[in-house]
Amino acid sequence: MVVIRLSRGGAKKRPFFNIVVADSKERRDGRFIERVGFYNPMAAGAEQPLRVSLDRVTHWAGVGAQLSPTVARLVDQAKKAA
């Protein structure tokens, strides 16, 4: 099954998450099919906290990819902001 989920990056105590399309059997930070955005919970000032390619997310959801609960919440936030 293909899932759209968060992949953690960044440093210790400074998380940064990529929103990726991946096979559900792969590790959280392992191989992925496509990167469709990012989420930076530590964004400050003029930094962008969230960027999602909504057209790619709808494409992958249309072909059967499942969104994780957190990614679904972030996509809803991005839709409201756009």
Protein backbone atom coordinates (compact mmCIF):
# COMPACT_ATOMS: atom_id res chain seq x y z
CA MET A 1 0.00 0.00 0.00
CA VAL A 2 1.20 3.52 -0.76
CA VAL A 3 0.99 6.11 2.02
CA ILE A 4 1.61 9.83 2.27
CA ARG A 5 3.41 10.43 5.56
CA LEU A 6 6.03 12.46 7.38
CA SER A 7 9.73 11.65 7.17
CA ARG A 8 11.80 13.21 9.94
CA GLY A 9 14.93 15.20 9.33
CA GLY A 10 16.72 18.05 11.04
CA ALA A 11 18.90 18.03 14.10
CA LYS A 12 18.36 16.87 17.64
CA LYS A 13 15.62 18.99 19.27
CA ARG A 14 15.14 20.84 15.90
CA PRO A 15 12.73 18.67 13.92
CA PHE A 16 12.02 19.13 10.22
CA PHE A 17 9.61 16.87 8.36
CA ASN A 18 9.36 16.07 4.67
CA ILE A 19 5.94 15.03 3.42
CA VAL A 20 6.63 12.00 1.24
CA VAL A 21 4.80 9.38 -0.79
CA ALA A 22 6.20 5.99 0.17
CA ASP A 23 5.47 2.29 0.26
CA SER A 24 4.04 1.43 3.67
CA LYS A 25 6.60 -1.35 4.10
CA GLU A 26 9.56 1.06 3.92
CA ARG A 27 11.09 2.60 7.04
CA ARG A 28 9.89 6.02 8.19
CA ASP A 29 13.01 7.80 6.96
CA GLY A 30 13.82 5.27 4.25
CA ARG A 31 13.22 5.14 0.53
CA PHE A 32 10.28 7.13 -0.84
CA ILE A 33 8.61 7.61 -4.20
CA GLU A 34 8.12 11.38 -4.25
CA ARG A 35 8.52 14.37 -1.94
CA VAL A 36 5.34 16.48 -2.01
CA GLY A 37 6.12 19.10 0.63
CA PHE A 38 7.59 19.87 4.03
CA TYR A 39 6.55 20.84 7.54
CA ASN A 40 8.80 22.89 9.82
CA PRO A 41 7.25 23.11 13.31
CA MET A 42 10.15 25.28 14.54
CA ALA A 43 9.75 27.96 11.84
CA ALA A 44 10.34 31.47 13.14
CA GLY A 45 10.10 34.87 11.55
CA ALA A 46 9.88 34.85 7.77
CA GLU A 47 10.50 31.10 7.44
CA GLN A 48 7.72 29.12 5.84
CA PRO A 49 6.32 26.51 8.28
CA LEU A 50 4.37 24.44 5.75
CA ARG A 51 4.48 23.86 2.02
CA VAL A 52 2.36 21.20 0.32
CA SER A 53 1.96 20.52 -3.39
CA LEU A 54 -1.81 20.05 -3.30
CA ASP A 55 -2.06 18.92 -6.92
CA ARG A 56 0.40 16.07 -6.29
CA VAL A 57 -1.37 15.05 -3.06
CA THR A 58 -4.72 14.89 -4.86
CA HIS A 59 -3.09 12.91 -7.68
CA TRP A 60 -1.68 10.32 -5.29
CA ALA A 61 -4.90 10.15 -3.27
CA GLY A 62 -6.78 9.63 -6.53
CA VAL A 63 -4.68 6.59 -7.42
CA GLY A 64 -5.20 5.03 -3.99
CA ALA A 65 -2.58 6.44 -1.60
CA GLN A 66 -3.66 6.74 2.02
CA LEU A 67 -2.87 9.90 4.02
CA SER A 68 -1.60 9.51 7.56
CA PRO A 69 -3.75 11.35 10.15
CA THR A 70 -1.09 14.03 10.70
CA VAL A 71 -0.60 14.62 6.98
CA ALA A 72 -4.38 14.83 6.49
CA ARG A 73 -4.49 17.58 9.15
CA LEU A 74 -1.60 19.45 7.52
CA VAL A 75 -3.19 19.20 4.05
CA ASP A 76 -6.42 20.65 5.48
CA GLN A 77 -4.37 23.53 6.96
CA ALA A 78 -2.71 24.14 3.59
CA LYS A 79 -6.07 24.16 1.78
CA LYS A 80 -7.46 26.74 4.19
CA ALA A 81 -4.37 28.93 3.78
CA ALA A 82 -4.52 28.77 -0.03
